[in-house]
Amino acid sequence: NLVESPNRNFSVLYFIPTRIIAIWEVLQSLVLHYRKGKEFKETKLSIICRIFGILVPGVSAHSPVNYINAVRLGPPTLKPILRMEEN
């Protein structure tokens, strides 16, 4: 007989924060182009994926748009900082 066991990866403590983060991702995607410029505007498909990410967390968190924006909005590279230290 097959004995069903609860999913060890599910936790209510994990469920709530992941939904909050997914909602934050949707809001951030809708506001970012107003704050940083029109080149940060997301496509309708990207926004739909982020909304779907509320139901299935993680779907929108690993989109290529996030990685591109992280590089574009991240800290400056080390070369200019090191040049300033040399002078």
N, C-alpha and C. Protein backbone atom coordinates (compact mmCIF):
# COMPACT_ATOMS: atom_id res chain seq x y z
N ASN A 1 0.83 -1.18 0.00
CA ASN A 1 0.00 0.00 0.00
C ASN A 1 0.88 1.25 0.00
N LEU A 2 0.40 2.24 -0.72
CA LEU A 2 1.10 3.51 -0.80
C LEU A 2 0.65 4.39 0.36
N VAL A 3 1.61 4.81 1.15
CA VAL A 3 1.32 5.68 2.29
C VAL A 3 1.65 7.11 1.88
N GLU A 4 0.65 7.98 1.98
CA GLU A 4 0.89 9.38 1.63
C GLU A 4 1.57 10.08 2.80
N SER A 5 2.54 10.88 2.45
CA SER A 5 3.23 11.67 3.47
C SER A 5 3.13 13.14 3.10
N PRO A 6 3.15 14.00 4.08
CA PRO A 6 3.06 15.43 3.78
C PRO A 6 4.32 15.91 3.04
N ASN A 7 4.15 16.95 2.27
CA ASN A 7 5.28 17.52 1.54
C ASN A 7 6.23 18.17 2.54
N ARG A 8 7.45 17.68 2.59
CA ARG A 8 8.42 18.21 3.55
C ARG A 8 8.88 19.61 3.17
N ASN A 9 8.69 20.00 1.92
CA ASN A 9 9.14 21.31 1.48
C ASN A 9 8.09 22.41 1.69
N PHE A 10 6.91 22.06 2.14
CA PHE A 10 5.85 23.06 2.36
C PHE A 10 5.85 23.52 3.80
N SER A 11 5.71 24.82 3.97
CA SER A 11 5.59 25.40 5.29
C SER A 11 4.78 26.68 5.17
N VAL A 12 3.89 26.92 6.11
CA VAL A 12 3.12 28.16 6.11
C VAL A 12 4.07 29.35 6.29
N LEU A 13 5.12 29.15 7.05
CA LEU A 13 6.09 30.22 7.26
C LEU A 13 6.82 30.57 5.96
N TYR A 14 6.86 29.65 5.03
CA TYR A 14 7.47 29.89 3.72
C TYR A 14 6.43 30.43 2.74
N PHE A 15 5.20 30.01 2.88
CA PHE A 15 4.12 30.37 1.95
C PHE A 15 3.85 31.87 1.94
N ILE A 16 3.72 32.47 3.10
CA ILE A 16 3.35 33.88 3.20
C ILE A 16 4.46 34.80 2.68
N PRO A 17 5.70 34.67 3.10
CA PRO A 17 6.74 35.58 2.59
C PRO A 17 6.97 35.47 1.09
N THR A 18 6.83 34.28 0.53
CA THR A 18 7.03 34.16 -0.92
C THR A 18 5.95 34.89 -1.69
N ARG A 19 4.73 34.90 -1.17
CA ARG A 19 3.65 35.66 -1.82
C ARG A 19 3.89 37.16 -1.70
N ILE A 20 4.37 37.59 -0.55
CA ILE A 20 4.67 39.02 -0.36
C ILE A 20 5.78 39.46 -1.32
N ILE A 21 6.81 38.65 -1.46
CA ILE A 21 7.90 38.97 -2.38
C ILE A 21 7.39 39.01 -3.82
N ALA A 22 6.52 38.09 -4.18
CA ALA A 22 5.97 38.07 -5.54
C ALA A 22 5.13 39.31 -5.81
N ILE A 23 4.36 39.75 -4.83
CA ILE A 23 3.58 40.98 -4.99
C ILE A 23 4.51 42.18 -5.12
N TRP A 24 5.59 42.19 -4.34
CA TRP A 24 6.58 43.27 -4.44
C TRP A 24 7.20 43.30 -5.84
N GLU A 25 7.47 42.14 -6.41
CA GLU A 25 8.03 42.06 -7.77
C GLU A 25 7.07 42.69 -8.79
N VAL A 26 5.78 42.42 -8.65
CA VAL A 26 4.79 43.00 -9.57
C VAL A 26 4.78 44.52 -9.43
N LEU A 27 4.70 45.00 -8.20
CA LEU A 27 4.67 46.45 -7.97
C LEU A 27 5.94 47.12 -8.48
N GLN A 28 7.06 46.51 -8.21
CA GLN A 28 8.34 47.06 -8.66
C GLN A 28 8.40 47.13 -10.18
N SER A 29 7.91 46.11 -10.85
CA SER A 29 7.95 46.10 -12.31
C SER A 29 7.04 47.18 -12.90
N LEU A 30 5.97 47.53 -12.20
CA LEU A 30 5.06 48.56 -12.69
C LEU A 30 5.58 49.98 -12.44
N VAL A 31 6.45 50.14 -11.45
CA VAL A 31 6.91 51.47 -11.05
C VAL A 31 8.32 51.79 -11.54
N LEU A 32 9.12 50.79 -11.82
CA LEU A 32 10.54 51.00 -12.10
C LEU A 32 10.79 51.92 -13.28
N HIS A 33 10.00 51.82 -14.32
CA HIS A 33 10.25 52.67 -15.48
C HIS A 33 9.90 54.13 -15.20
N TYR A 34 9.04 54.40 -14.23
CA TYR A 34 8.77 55.78 -13.84
C TYR A 34 9.93 56.36 -13.03
N ARG A 35 10.57 55.52 -12.23
CA ARG A 35 11.65 55.98 -11.36
C ARG A 35 13.00 56.04 -12.07
N LYS A 36 13.28 55.08 -12.96
CA LYS A 36 14.62 54.97 -13.53
C LYS A 36 14.69 55.28 -15.02
N GLY A 37 13.57 55.36 -15.70
CA GLY A 37 13.59 55.69 -17.11
C GLY A 37 12.83 54.69 -17.95
N LYS A 38 12.49 55.13 -19.17
CA LYS A 38 11.64 54.31 -20.03
C LYS A 38 12.31 53.03 -20.50
N GLU A 39 13.65 52.95 -20.44
CA GLU A 39 14.32 51.72 -20.86
C GLU A 39 14.09 50.57 -19.87
N PHE A 40 13.52 50.87 -18.71
CA PHE A 40 13.21 49.84 -17.72
C PHE A 40 11.77 49.36 -17.80
N LYS A 41 11.02 49.83 -18.79
CA LYS A 41 9.62 49.41 -18.94
C LYS A 41 9.57 47.93 -19.34
N GLU A 42 8.72 47.18 -18.68
CA GLU A 42 8.61 45.75 -18.95
C GLU A 42 7.49 45.48 -19.94
N THR A 43 7.61 44.37 -20.63
CA THR A 43 6.59 43.98 -21.60
C THR A 43 5.36 43.44 -20.88
N LYS A 44 4.26 43.35 -21.61
CA LYS A 44 3.03 42.81 -21.03
C LYS A 44 3.22 41.35 -20.62
N LEU A 45 3.97 40.61 -21.43
CA LEU A 45 4.23 39.20 -21.10
C LEU A 45 5.01 39.09 -19.80
N SER A 46 5.98 39.96 -19.60
CA SER A 46 6.77 39.95 -18.38
C SER A 46 5.89 40.26 -17.16
N ILE A 47 5.00 41.20 -17.30
CA ILE A 47 4.10 41.54 -16.19
C ILE A 47 3.14 40.39 -15.91
N ILE A 48 2.65 39.73 -16.96
CA ILE A 48 1.78 38.57 -16.77
C ILE A 48 2.53 37.46 -16.04
N CYS A 49 3.79 37.24 -16.39
CA CYS A 49 4.60 36.23 -15.70
C CYS A 49 4.78 36.59 -14.23
N ARG A 50 4.95 37.87 -13.94
CA ARG A 50 5.10 38.29 -12.55
C ARG A 50 3.80 38.08 -11.77
N ILE A 51 2.67 38.36 -12.40
CA ILE A 51 1.38 38.11 -11.74
C ILE A 51 1.19 36.62 -11.52
N PHE A 52 1.57 35.81 -12.50
CA PHE A 52 1.52 34.36 -12.34
C PHE A 52 2.44 33.91 -11.21
N GLY A 53 3.53 34.67 -11.00
CA GLY A 53 4.47 34.37 -9.92
C GLY A 53 3.87 34.49 -8.54
N ILE A 54 2.75 35.18 -8.40
CA ILE A 54 2.07 35.24 -7.11
C ILE A 54 1.48 33.87 -6.78
N LEU A 55 0.98 33.18 -7.80
CA LEU A 55 0.43 31.83 -7.60
C LEU A 55 1.52 30.79 -7.47
N VAL A 56 2.57 30.94 -8.27
CA VAL A 56 3.69 29.99 -8.27
C VAL A 56 4.97 30.78 -8.00
N PRO A 57 5.32 30.96 -6.73
CA PRO A 57 6.50 31.77 -6.41
C PRO A 57 7.76 31.21 -7.05
N GLY A 58 8.62 32.11 -7.45
CA GLY A 58 9.86 31.71 -8.08
C GLY A 58 9.83 31.85 -9.59
N VAL A 59 8.64 31.85 -10.17
CA VAL A 59 8.52 31.98 -11.62
C VAL A 59 9.06 33.33 -12.06
N SER A 60 8.63 34.38 -11.39
CA SER A 60 9.05 35.72 -11.80
C SER A 60 10.38 36.13 -11.20
N ALA A 61 10.78 35.50 -10.13
CA ALA A 61 12.01 35.91 -9.45
C ALA A 61 13.26 35.61 -10.26
N HIS A 62 13.18 34.69 -11.17
CA HIS A 62 14.37 34.31 -11.94
C HIS A 62 14.23 34.66 -13.42
N SER A 63 13.52 35.72 -13.71
CA SER A 63 13.38 36.13 -15.11
C SER A 63 14.65 36.85 -15.55
N PRO A 64 14.99 36.77 -16.82
CA PRO A 64 16.18 37.48 -17.31
C PRO A 64 16.12 38.98 -17.06
N VAL A 65 14.92 39.54 -17.03
CA VAL A 65 14.78 40.98 -16.77
C VAL A 65 15.36 41.33 -15.41
N ASN A 66 15.15 40.48 -14.41
CA ASN A 66 15.68 40.75 -13.08
C ASN A 66 17.20 40.79 -13.08
N TYR A 67 17.83 39.85 -13.79
CA TYR A 67 19.28 39.81 -13.83
C TYR A 67 19.85 41.01 -14.57
N ILE A 68 19.20 41.41 -15.66
CA ILE A 68 19.66 42.57 -16.42
C ILE A 68 19.52 43.83 -15.58
N ASN A 69 18.39 44.00 -14.92
CA ASN A 69 18.20 45.18 -14.08
C ASN A 69 19.14 45.19 -12.88
N ALA A 70 19.47 44.03 -12.35
CA ALA A 70 20.40 43.96 -11.23
C ALA A 70 21.78 44.47 -11.64
N VAL A 71 22.19 44.14 -12.85
CA VAL A 71 23.49 44.61 -13.34
C VAL A 71 23.42 46.10 -13.65
N ARG A 72 22.36 46.54 -14.28
CA ARG A 72 22.23 47.94 -14.66
C ARG A 72 22.06 48.86 -13.46
N LEU A 73 21.38 48.41 -12.43
CA LEU A 73 21.11 49.24 -11.26
C LEU A 73 22.05 48.95 -10.10
N GLY A 74 22.91 47.96 -10.25
CA GLY A 74 23.80 47.56 -9.18
C GLY A 74 24.91 48.56 -8.93
N PRO A 75 25.79 48.23 -7.99
CA PRO A 75 26.90 49.13 -7.67
C PRO A 75 27.86 49.25 -8.85
N PRO A 76 28.63 50.33 -8.88
CA PRO A 76 29.58 50.51 -9.98
C PRO A 76 30.65 49.42 -9.95
N THR A 77 31.30 49.25 -11.07
CA THR A 77 32.37 48.25 -11.11
C THR A 77 33.54 48.72 -10.26
N LEU A 78 34.46 47.84 -10.01
CA LEU A 78 35.59 48.16 -9.15
C LEU A 78 36.63 49.06 -9.82
N LYS A 79 36.73 49.03 -11.14
CA LYS A 79 37.77 49.81 -11.81
C LYS A 79 37.71 51.30 -11.49
N PRO A 80 36.55 51.97 -11.61
CA PRO A 80 36.53 53.39 -11.25
C PRO A 80 36.86 53.63 -9.78
N ILE A 81 36.45 52.74 -8.93
CA ILE A 81 36.73 52.90 -7.50
C ILE A 81 38.22 52.77 -7.24
N LEU A 82 38.86 51.78 -7.88
CA LEU A 82 40.29 51.60 -7.70
C LEU A 82 41.08 52.77 -8.27
N ARG A 83 40.63 53.32 -9.39
CA ARG A 83 41.30 54.49 -9.97
C ARG A 83 41.24 55.67 -9.02
N MET A 84 40.11 55.85 -8.35
CA MET A 84 39.98 56.95 -7.41
C MET A 84 40.93 56.77 -6.23
N GLU A 85 41.14 55.53 -5.81
CA GLU A 85 42.04 55.27 -4.69
C GLU A 85 43.49 55.52 -5.07
N GLU A 86 43.84 55.30 -6.34
CA GLU A 86 45.21 55.52 -6.79
C GLU A 86 45.56 56.99 -6.77
N ASN A 87 44.59 57.84 -7.08
CA ASN A 87 44.85 59.29 -7.15
C ASN A 87 44.85 59.86 -5.80
